């Protein structure tokens, strides 16, 4: 879990970089990213997380036998993980897309019909390397459900403001 303190929209000049970093941290690295409004909110969040962890362990692993394990065994942990409801990469990608300005649920679902993962979308953008206008309009040209603003905003999310300088390696 990563915690990002402060609103990236109020950062001078680095909002897109912060949003892109948060997005790639969630998608590529698999971490949950929590955002807080500032120091006070961060401390409150840490407090709630600490209390939740303490409550969880005292409820689920506190046993009368003092020699018993406090933490679950690996097999118990693995069984628990298999019982959890899981989301697909495409579903998570669609949720991320809906955070982009002008991207509705219908637009996000349309995008993942063509490009089910961030990697597949980035690869499609890389095929148009050097033609930023074509990259910005690529999604709009794929479907009438995707307007020009959403298409451009998704492109900027994937490549950042520096366009080709995102550092993604596609091969």
N, C-alpha and C. Protein backbone atom coordinates (compact mmCIF):
# COMPACT_ATOMS: atom_id res chain seq x y z
N UNK A 1 0.84 -1.16 0.00
CA UNK A 1 0.00 0.00 0.00
C UNK A 1 0.90 1.24 0.00
N UNK A 2 0.56 2.18 -0.87
CA UNK A 2 1.27 3.45 -0.92
C UNK A 2 0.31 4.55 -0.49
N UNK A 3 0.83 5.55 0.20
CA UNK A 3 0.03 6.69 0.60
C UNK A 3 0.64 7.93 -0.04
N UNK A 4 -0.20 8.69 -0.75
CA UNK A 4 0.24 9.92 -1.39
C UNK A 4 -0.43 11.07 -0.66
N UNK A 5 0.40 11.93 -0.08
CA UNK A 5 -0.12 13.04 0.71
C UNK A 5 -0.28 14.27 -0.17
N UNK A 6 -1.43 14.90 -0.09
CA UNK A 6 -1.69 16.12 -0.83
C UNK A 6 -2.47 15.85 -2.10
N UNK A 7 -3.12 16.88 -2.59
CA UNK A 7 -3.93 16.79 -3.80
C UNK A 7 -3.05 17.08 -5.01
N UNK A 8 -2.89 16.11 -5.92
CA UNK A 8 -2.03 16.35 -7.08
C UNK A 8 -2.55 17.47 -7.99
N UNK A 9 -3.85 17.75 -7.91
CA UNK A 9 -4.41 18.82 -8.75
C UNK A 9 -3.94 20.20 -8.31
N UNK A 10 -3.49 20.32 -7.06
CA UNK A 10 -3.02 21.62 -6.58
C UNK A 10 -1.51 21.76 -6.70
N UNK A 11 -0.83 20.70 -7.11
CA UNK A 11 0.62 20.77 -7.30
C UNK A 11 0.93 21.59 -8.54
N UNK A 12 1.93 22.42 -8.45
CA UNK A 12 2.28 23.29 -9.57
C UNK A 12 3.11 22.51 -10.58
N UNK A 13 2.51 22.24 -11.74
CA UNK A 13 3.25 21.65 -12.84
C UNK A 13 3.48 20.15 -12.78
N UNK A 14 3.27 19.52 -11.64
CA UNK A 14 3.60 18.10 -11.56
C UNK A 14 2.37 17.21 -11.36
N UNK A 15 1.17 17.75 -11.50
CA UNK A 15 -0.04 16.97 -11.28
C UNK A 15 -0.11 15.75 -12.19
N UNK A 16 0.19 15.92 -13.46
CA UNK A 16 0.13 14.79 -14.40
C UNK A 16 1.15 13.72 -14.03
N UNK A 17 2.33 14.14 -13.63
CA UNK A 17 3.37 13.18 -13.25
C UNK A 17 2.96 12.39 -12.01
N UNK A 18 2.36 13.08 -11.04
CA UNK A 18 1.92 12.41 -9.82
C UNK A 18 0.80 11.42 -10.14
N UNK A 19 -0.16 11.84 -10.96
CA UNK A 19 -1.26 10.95 -11.32
C UNK A 19 -0.76 9.74 -12.09
N UNK A 20 0.16 9.96 -13.02
CA UNK A 20 0.72 8.85 -13.80
C UNK A 20 1.48 7.89 -12.89
N UNK A 21 2.25 8.42 -11.95
CA UNK A 21 3.00 7.58 -11.02
C UNK A 21 2.05 6.75 -10.16
N UNK A 22 0.99 7.36 -9.67
CA UNK A 22 0.01 6.63 -8.86
C UNK A 22 -0.65 5.53 -9.69
N UNK A 23 -1.01 5.87 -10.91
CA UNK A 23 -1.67 4.92 -11.80
C UNK A 23 -0.76 3.73 -12.09
N UNK A 24 0.48 3.99 -12.46
CA UNK A 24 1.39 2.89 -12.78
C UNK A 24 1.75 2.08 -11.54
N UNK A 25 1.80 2.73 -10.38
CA UNK A 25 2.06 2.00 -9.14
C UNK A 25 0.94 1.01 -8.87
N UNK A 26 -0.30 1.43 -9.13
CA UNK A 26 -1.43 0.52 -8.92
C UNK A 26 -1.47 -0.59 -9.96
N UNK A 27 -1.36 -0.23 -11.23
CA UNK A 27 -1.52 -1.21 -12.30
C UNK A 27 -0.30 -2.11 -12.44
N UNK A 28 0.87 -1.52 -12.62
CA UNK A 28 2.07 -2.32 -12.89
C UNK A 28 2.62 -3.00 -11.64
N UNK A 29 2.57 -2.32 -10.51
CA UNK A 29 3.17 -2.86 -9.30
C UNK A 29 2.17 -3.58 -8.40
N UNK A 30 0.87 -3.34 -8.62
CA UNK A 30 -0.16 -4.04 -7.86
C UNK A 30 -0.42 -3.51 -6.47
N UNK A 31 -0.02 -2.29 -6.19
CA UNK A 31 -0.25 -1.70 -4.87
C UNK A 31 -1.53 -0.88 -4.87
N UNK A 32 -2.17 -0.80 -3.71
CA UNK A 32 -3.26 0.15 -3.52
C UNK A 32 -2.63 1.49 -3.21
N UNK A 33 -3.16 2.55 -3.82
CA UNK A 33 -2.66 3.89 -3.57
C UNK A 33 -3.75 4.67 -2.85
N UNK A 34 -3.45 5.13 -1.65
CA UNK A 34 -4.37 5.96 -0.89
C UNK A 34 -3.92 7.41 -1.02
N UNK A 35 -4.88 8.30 -1.19
CA UNK A 35 -4.54 9.73 -1.26
C UNK A 35 -5.12 10.43 -0.05
N UNK A 36 -4.34 11.33 0.52
CA UNK A 36 -4.81 12.13 1.65
C UNK A 36 -4.68 13.60 1.29
N UNK A 37 -5.40 14.44 2.04
CA UNK A 37 -5.42 15.87 1.75
C UNK A 37 -4.24 16.63 2.34
N UNK A 38 -3.57 16.05 3.32
CA UNK A 38 -2.46 16.73 3.96
C UNK A 38 -2.01 15.96 5.19
N UNK A 39 -1.16 16.60 5.98
CA UNK A 39 -0.55 15.95 7.14
C UNK A 39 -1.60 15.41 8.12
N UNK A 40 -2.59 16.23 8.47
CA UNK A 40 -3.60 15.81 9.43
C UNK A 40 -4.37 14.60 8.92
N UNK A 41 -4.78 14.65 7.67
CA UNK A 41 -5.51 13.54 7.07
C UNK A 41 -4.63 12.29 6.99
N UNK A 42 -3.34 12.47 6.72
CA UNK A 42 -2.40 11.34 6.67
C UNK A 42 -2.31 10.67 8.04
N UNK A 43 -2.15 11.46 9.09
CA UNK A 43 -2.05 10.90 10.44
C UNK A 43 -3.34 10.19 10.83
N UNK A 44 -4.48 10.77 10.47
CA UNK A 44 -5.77 10.14 10.75
C UNK A 44 -5.86 8.80 10.01
N UNK A 45 -5.43 8.78 8.75
CA UNK A 45 -5.46 7.55 7.96
C UNK A 45 -4.56 6.49 8.57
N UNK A 46 -3.34 6.87 8.98
CA UNK A 46 -2.43 5.93 9.65
C UNK A 46 -3.08 5.38 10.93
N UNK A 47 -3.74 6.26 11.67
CA UNK A 47 -4.41 5.82 12.90
C UNK A 47 -5.50 4.80 12.61
N UNK A 48 -6.35 5.08 11.60
CA UNK A 48 -7.41 4.14 11.23
C UNK A 48 -6.84 2.81 10.74
N UNK A 49 -5.78 2.88 9.94
CA UNK A 49 -5.15 1.64 9.46
C UNK A 49 -4.60 0.82 10.62
N UNK A 50 -3.94 1.50 11.56
CA UNK A 50 -3.39 0.80 12.73
C UNK A 50 -4.49 0.14 13.54
N UNK A 51 -5.57 0.88 13.81
CA UNK A 51 -6.68 0.32 14.57
C UNK A 51 -7.33 -0.84 13.83
N UNK A 52 -7.46 -0.72 12.52
CA UNK A 52 -8.05 -1.80 11.72
C UNK A 52 -7.20 -3.06 11.77
N UNK A 53 -5.89 -2.89 11.66
CA UNK A 53 -4.98 -4.05 11.72
C UNK A 53 -5.06 -4.71 13.09
N UNK A 54 -5.03 -3.89 14.13
CA UNK A 54 -5.10 -4.43 15.49
C UNK A 54 -6.42 -5.17 15.71
N UNK A 55 -7.52 -4.58 15.27
CA UNK A 55 -8.83 -5.21 15.42
C UNK A 55 -8.90 -6.51 14.63
N UNK A 56 -8.39 -6.49 13.41
CA UNK A 56 -8.42 -7.68 12.57
C UNK A 56 -7.67 -8.84 13.23
N UNK A 57 -6.46 -8.56 13.69
CA UNK A 57 -5.66 -9.63 14.30
C UNK A 57 -6.23 -10.09 15.64
N UNK A 58 -6.77 -9.18 16.42
CA UNK A 58 -7.34 -9.60 17.70
C UNK A 58 -8.62 -10.40 17.49
N UNK A 59 -9.37 -10.09 16.44
CA UNK A 59 -10.61 -10.82 16.15
C UNK A 59 -10.33 -12.17 15.50
N UNK A 60 -9.41 -12.21 14.57
CA UNK A 60 -9.22 -13.41 13.76
C UNK A 60 -8.13 -14.36 14.24
N UNK A 61 -7.18 -13.88 15.03
CA UNK A 61 -6.05 -14.74 15.36
C UNK A 61 -5.76 -14.84 16.85
N UNK A 62 -6.59 -14.24 17.66
CA UNK A 62 -6.39 -14.31 19.10
C UNK A 62 -6.96 -15.65 19.57
N UNK A 63 -6.12 -16.50 20.13
CA UNK A 63 -6.55 -17.82 20.57
C UNK A 63 -6.27 -17.95 22.07
N UNK A 64 -7.03 -18.81 22.70
CA UNK A 64 -6.85 -19.01 24.13
C UNK A 64 -5.53 -19.69 24.46
N UNK A 65 -5.10 -20.58 23.60
CA UNK A 65 -3.84 -21.29 23.81
C UNK A 65 -2.68 -20.35 23.51
N UNK A 66 -1.89 -20.02 24.53
CA UNK A 66 -0.82 -19.05 24.35
C UNK A 66 0.30 -19.57 23.46
N UNK A 67 0.38 -20.88 23.27
CA UNK A 67 1.42 -21.42 22.41
C UNK A 67 0.99 -21.46 20.94
N UNK A 68 -0.27 -21.14 20.68
CA UNK A 68 -0.78 -21.18 19.30
C UNK A 68 -0.20 -20.02 18.49
N UNK A 69 -0.17 -20.22 17.20
CA UNK A 69 0.34 -19.17 16.29
C UNK A 69 -0.59 -17.97 16.30
N UNK A 70 -0.02 -16.80 16.26
CA UNK A 70 -0.83 -15.59 16.16
C UNK A 70 -1.19 -15.33 14.71
N UNK A 71 -0.24 -15.49 13.83
CA UNK A 71 -0.47 -15.27 12.40
C UNK A 71 -0.92 -16.58 11.76
N UNK A 72 -1.65 -16.48 10.65
CA UNK A 72 -2.08 -17.72 9.98
C UNK A 72 -0.88 -18.43 9.36
N UNK A 73 -1.04 -19.73 9.17
CA UNK A 73 -0.01 -20.47 8.45
C UNK A 73 -0.11 -20.09 6.98
N UNK A 74 0.90 -20.46 6.22
CA UNK A 74 0.86 -20.15 4.79
C UNK A 74 -0.34 -20.81 4.12
N UNK A 75 -0.63 -22.06 4.48
CA UNK A 75 -1.78 -22.75 3.88
C UNK A 75 -3.09 -22.05 4.22
N UNK A 76 -3.25 -21.59 5.47
CA UNK A 76 -4.45 -20.85 5.85
C UNK A 76 -4.55 -19.55 5.05
N UNK A 77 -3.42 -18.86 4.95
CA UNK A 77 -3.38 -17.61 4.19
C UNK A 77 -3.75 -17.86 2.73
N UNK A 78 -3.20 -18.90 2.14
CA UNK A 78 -3.47 -19.22 0.74
C UNK A 78 -4.95 -19.56 0.54
N UNK A 79 -5.53 -20.36 1.46
CA UNK A 79 -6.96 -20.69 1.37
C UNK A 79 -7.81 -19.43 1.44
N UNK A 80 -7.43 -18.54 2.35
CA UNK A 80 -8.16 -17.28 2.50
C UNK A 80 -8.11 -16.46 1.21
N UNK A 81 -6.95 -16.40 0.59
CA UNK A 81 -6.79 -15.64 -0.65
C UNK A 81 -7.64 -16.21 -1.78
N UNK A 82 -7.74 -17.53 -1.83
CA UNK A 82 -8.55 -18.16 -2.88
C UNK A 82 -10.03 -17.88 -2.69
N UNK A 83 -10.44 -17.66 -1.44
CA UNK A 83 -11.86 -17.39 -1.16
C UNK A 83 -12.25 -15.95 -1.47
N UNK A 84 -11.27 -15.07 -1.57
CA UNK A 84 -11.57 -13.66 -1.83
C UNK A 84 -12.11 -13.48 -3.24
N UNK A 85 -12.99 -12.53 -3.37
CA UNK A 85 -13.49 -12.21 -4.71
C UNK A 85 -12.41 -11.41 -5.43
N UNK A 86 -12.05 -11.86 -6.62
CA UNK A 86 -10.95 -11.23 -7.35
C UNK A 86 -11.49 -10.43 -8.52
N UNK A 87 -10.74 -9.41 -8.90
CA UNK A 87 -11.06 -8.62 -10.08
C UNK A 87 -10.03 -8.91 -11.15
N UNK A 88 -10.46 -8.80 -12.39
CA UNK A 88 -9.52 -9.01 -13.48
C UNK A 88 -8.73 -7.74 -13.73
N UNK A 89 -7.63 -7.87 -14.44
CA UNK A 89 -6.82 -6.71 -14.81
C UNK A 89 -7.66 -5.73 -15.62
N UNK A 90 -8.50 -6.25 -16.51
CA UNK A 90 -9.34 -5.38 -17.34
C UNK A 90 -10.32 -4.58 -16.49
N UNK A 91 -10.89 -5.21 -15.47
CA UNK A 91 -11.82 -4.49 -14.60
C UNK A 91 -11.10 -3.38 -13.83
N UNK A 92 -9.92 -3.67 -13.36
CA UNK A 92 -9.14 -2.65 -12.65
C UNK A 92 -8.75 -1.53 -13.61
N UNK A 93 -8.36 -1.90 -14.83
CA UNK A 93 -8.01 -0.91 -15.84
C UNK A 93 -9.21 -0.01 -16.14
N UNK A 94 -10.39 -0.59 -16.25
CA UNK A 94 -11.60 0.21 -16.50
C UNK A 94 -11.87 1.17 -15.35
N UNK A 95 -11.69 0.70 -14.12
CA UNK A 95 -11.87 1.59 -12.96
C UNK A 95 -10.88 2.74 -12.99
N UNK A 96 -9.65 2.46 -13.38
CA UNK A 96 -8.64 3.51 -13.48
C UNK A 96 -9.01 4.50 -14.58
N UNK A 97 -9.48 3.99 -15.70
CA UNK A 97 -9.86 4.88 -16.81
C UNK A 97 -10.98 5.83 -16.39
N UNK A 98 -11.88 5.36 -15.54
CA UNK A 98 -13.00 6.21 -15.12
C UNK A 98 -12.55 7.37 -14.23
N UNK A 99 -11.30 7.37 -13.80
CA UNK A 99 -10.77 8.49 -13.03
C UNK A 99 -10.29 9.61 -13.94
N UNK A 100 -10.21 9.35 -15.23
CA UNK A 100 -9.73 10.32 -16.20
C UNK A 100 -10.87 11.27 -16.55
N UNK A 101 -10.61 12.59 -16.61
CA UNK A 101 -11.66 13.53 -17.00
C UNK A 101 -12.29 13.16 -18.34
N UNK A 102 -13.60 13.26 -18.42
CA UNK A 102 -14.43 13.00 -19.59
C UNK A 102 -14.58 11.52 -19.91
N UNK A 103 -14.10 10.64 -19.05
CA UNK A 103 -14.25 9.21 -19.29
C UNK A 103 -15.35 8.67 -18.38
N UNK A 104 -16.45 8.27 -19.01
CA UNK A 104 -17.57 7.68 -18.29
C UNK A 104 -17.40 6.17 -18.25
N UNK A 105 -18.32 5.51 -17.57
CA UNK A 105 -18.26 4.04 -17.51
C UNK A 105 -18.38 3.45 -18.91
N UNK A 106 -19.29 3.99 -19.72
CA UNK A 106 -19.46 3.47 -21.09
C UNK A 106 -18.19 3.65 -21.91
N UNK A 107 -17.54 4.78 -21.76
CA UNK A 107 -16.30 5.03 -22.49
C UNK A 107 -15.22 4.05 -22.04
N UNK A 108 -15.09 3.86 -20.73
CA UNK A 108 -14.07 2.94 -20.20
C UNK A 108 -14.32 1.52 -20.70
N UNK A 109 -15.58 1.08 -20.68
CA UNK A 109 -15.89 -0.26 -21.16
C UNK A 109 -15.63 -0.41 -22.65
N UNK A 110 -15.87 0.67 -23.40
CA UNK A 110 -15.57 0.65 -24.83
C UNK A 110 -14.07 0.52 -25.06
N UNK A 111 -13.29 1.27 -24.30
CA UNK A 111 -11.83 1.20 -24.44
C UNK A 111 -11.33 -0.22 -24.17
N UNK A 112 -11.83 -0.85 -23.09
CA UNK A 112 -11.30 -2.18 -22.76
C UNK A 112 -11.81 -3.26 -23.72
N UNK A 113 -12.85 -2.97 -24.50
CA UNK A 113 -13.23 -3.91 -25.56
C UNK A 113 -12.12 -4.00 -26.60
N UNK A 114 -11.52 -2.86 -26.91
CA UNK A 114 -10.43 -2.81 -27.90
C UNK A 114 -9.08 -3.14 -27.28
N UNK A 115 -8.86 -2.62 -26.08
CA UNK A 115 -7.57 -2.76 -25.40
C UNK A 115 -7.84 -3.19 -23.95
N UNK A 116 -7.86 -4.48 -23.68
CA UNK A 116 -8.24 -4.97 -22.35
C UNK A 116 -7.25 -4.66 -21.23
N UNK A 117 -6.03 -4.27 -21.58
CA UNK A 117 -5.04 -3.95 -20.54
C UNK A 117 -4.32 -2.65 -20.90
N UNK A 118 -3.71 -2.07 -19.91
CA UNK A 118 -2.90 -0.87 -20.14
C UNK A 118 -1.77 -1.19 -21.12
N UNK A 119 -1.20 -2.36 -20.99
CA UNK A 119 -0.10 -2.76 -21.87
C UNK A 119 -0.56 -2.79 -23.34
N UNK A 120 -1.74 -3.35 -23.60
CA UNK A 120 -2.22 -3.42 -24.99
C UNK A 120 -2.50 -2.03 -25.54
N UNK A 121 -3.01 -1.13 -24.70
CA UNK A 121 -3.25 0.24 -25.14
C UNK A 121 -1.93 0.96 -25.39
N UNK A 122 -0.97 0.80 -24.50
CA UNK A 122 0.34 1.44 -24.69
C UNK A 122 1.02 0.93 -25.95
N UNK A 123 0.88 -0.35 -26.23
CA UNK A 123 1.46 -0.92 -27.45
C UNK A 123 0.82 -0.29 -28.69
N UNK A 124 -0.50 -0.11 -28.66
CA UNK A 124 -1.18 0.51 -29.80
C UNK A 124 -0.70 1.95 -29.99
N UNK A 125 -0.53 2.68 -28.89
CA UNK A 125 0.00 4.05 -29.00
C UNK A 125 1.42 4.03 -29.57
N UNK A 126 2.21 3.06 -29.18
CA UNK A 126 3.60 3.01 -29.65
C UNK A 126 3.68 2.75 -31.16
N UNK A 127 2.66 2.11 -31.72
CA UNK A 127 2.64 1.87 -33.16
C UNK A 127 2.52 3.18 -33.94
N UNK A 128 1.99 4.20 -33.28
CA UNK A 128 1.82 5.52 -33.92
C UNK A 128 2.91 6.49 -33.47
N UNK A 129 4.02 5.97 -33.05
CA UNK A 129 5.11 6.78 -32.49
C UNK A 129 5.46 7.94 -33.42
N UNK A 130 5.60 9.10 -32.81
CA UNK A 130 5.99 10.28 -33.57
C UNK A 130 4.82 11.11 -34.04
N UNK A 131 3.62 10.54 -34.06
CA UNK A 131 2.45 11.27 -34.53
C UNK A 131 1.51 11.49 -33.33
N UNK A 132 1.82 12.51 -32.56
CA UNK A 132 1.07 12.77 -31.32
C UNK A 132 -0.41 13.01 -31.61
N UNK A 133 -0.72 13.73 -32.67
CA UNK A 133 -2.12 14.00 -33.02
C UNK A 133 -2.86 12.68 -33.27
N UNK A 134 -2.25 11.78 -34.01
CA UNK A 134 -2.89 10.48 -34.28
C UNK A 134 -3.05 9.68 -32.99
N UNK A 135 -2.06 9.76 -32.10
CA UNK A 135 -2.15 9.05 -30.83
C UNK A 135 -3.29 9.62 -29.98
N UNK A 136 -3.41 10.94 -29.96
CA UNK A 136 -4.47 11.57 -29.18
C UNK A 136 -5.86 11.21 -29.70
N UNK A 137 -5.98 10.99 -31.00
CA UNK A 137 -7.29 10.70 -31.60
C UNK A 137 -7.53 9.21 -31.85
N UNK A 138 -6.58 8.37 -31.52
CA UNK A 138 -6.69 6.95 -31.83
C UNK A 138 -7.97 6.32 -31.27
N UNK A 139 -8.28 6.56 -30.01
CA UNK A 139 -9.47 5.96 -29.40
C UNK A 139 -10.75 6.55 -29.98
N UNK A 140 -10.74 7.86 -30.22
CA UNK A 140 -11.91 8.51 -30.82
C UNK A 140 -12.22 7.89 -32.18
N UNK A 141 -11.18 7.57 -32.94
CA UNK A 141 -11.37 6.99 -34.26
C UNK A 141 -11.80 5.53 -34.21
N UNK A 142 -11.61 4.88 -33.09
CA UNK A 142 -12.02 3.47 -32.93
C UNK A 142 -13.52 3.34 -32.69
N UNK A 143 -14.10 4.33 -32.00
CA UNK A 143 -15.51 4.22 -31.63
C UNK A 143 -16.14 5.59 -31.47
N UNK A 144 -17.39 5.69 -31.88
CA UNK A 144 -18.14 6.94 -31.72
C UNK A 144 -18.50 7.19 -30.26
N UNK A 145 -18.37 6.16 -29.42
CA UNK A 145 -18.66 6.30 -27.99
C UNK A 145 -17.60 7.14 -27.28
N UNK A 146 -16.43 7.27 -27.89
CA UNK A 146 -15.30 7.95 -27.24
C UNK A 146 -15.11 9.32 -27.88
N UNK A 147 -15.32 10.38 -27.10
CA UNK A 147 -15.17 11.73 -27.66
C UNK A 147 -13.70 12.13 -27.70
N UNK A 148 -13.42 13.23 -28.38
CA UNK A 148 -12.04 13.68 -28.59
C UNK A 148 -11.35 14.01 -27.26
N UNK A 149 -12.07 14.64 -26.34
CA UNK A 149 -11.48 15.00 -25.05
C UNK A 149 -11.07 13.77 -24.25
N UNK A 150 -11.95 12.78 -24.20
CA UNK A 150 -11.63 11.55 -23.47
C UNK A 150 -10.46 10.83 -24.12
N UNK A 151 -10.46 10.78 -25.45
CA UNK A 151 -9.37 10.13 -26.18
C UNK A 151 -8.02 10.79 -25.86
N UNK A 152 -8.01 12.11 -25.90
CA UNK A 152 -6.79 12.87 -25.63
C UNK A 152 -6.35 12.68 -24.16
N UNK A 153 -7.31 12.74 -23.24
CA UNK A 153 -6.98 12.61 -21.81
C UNK A 153 -6.44 11.21 -21.47
N UNK A 154 -6.99 10.19 -22.11
CA UNK A 154 -6.48 8.83 -21.88
C UNK A 154 -5.07 8.71 -22.42
N UNK A 155 -4.83 9.27 -23.61
CA UNK A 155 -3.48 9.24 -24.17
C UNK A 155 -2.50 9.92 -23.23
N UNK A 156 -2.88 11.07 -22.69
CA UNK A 156 -1.99 11.80 -21.79
C UNK A 156 -1.77 11.05 -20.49
N UNK A 157 -2.78 10.31 -20.04
CA UNK A 157 -2.61 9.49 -18.85
C UNK A 157 -1.55 8.41 -19.10
N UNK A 158 -1.64 7.76 -20.23
CA UNK A 158 -0.72 6.65 -20.53
C UNK A 158 0.70 7.15 -20.76
N UNK A 159 0.85 8.20 -21.57
CA UNK A 159 2.18 8.67 -21.92
C UNK A 159 2.66 9.83 -21.07
N UNK A 160 1.79 10.46 -20.30
CA UNK A 160 2.18 11.63 -19.52
C UNK A 160 2.34 12.84 -20.41
N UNK A 161 2.66 13.98 -19.82
CA UNK A 161 2.80 15.21 -20.61
C UNK A 161 3.99 15.16 -21.55
N UNK A 162 4.98 14.35 -21.22
CA UNK A 162 6.16 14.26 -22.08
C UNK A 162 5.96 13.32 -23.25
N UNK A 163 4.76 12.85 -23.45
CA UNK A 163 4.39 11.92 -24.53
C UNK A 163 5.30 10.70 -24.54
N UNK A 164 6.27 10.65 -25.41
CA UNK A 164 7.07 9.43 -25.59
C UNK A 164 8.07 9.21 -24.47
N UNK A 165 8.15 10.08 -23.50
CA UNK A 165 9.17 9.95 -22.46
C UNK A 165 8.67 9.19 -21.23
N UNK A 166 7.67 8.34 -21.39
CA UNK A 166 7.11 7.65 -20.24
C UNK A 166 8.01 6.58 -19.67
N UNK A 167 8.94 6.09 -20.46
CA UNK A 167 9.85 5.06 -19.97
C UNK A 167 9.30 3.65 -20.09
N UNK A 168 8.11 3.48 -20.67
CA UNK A 168 7.57 2.14 -20.84
C UNK A 168 8.35 1.39 -21.92
N UNK A 169 8.65 0.16 -21.64
CA UNK A 169 9.31 -0.69 -22.62
C UNK A 169 8.27 -1.70 -23.08
N UNK A 170 8.00 -1.73 -24.36
CA UNK A 170 6.89 -2.53 -24.85
C UNK A 170 7.29 -3.86 -25.46
N UNK A 171 8.55 -4.17 -25.58
CA UNK A 171 8.93 -5.46 -26.19
C UNK A 171 9.50 -6.39 -25.17
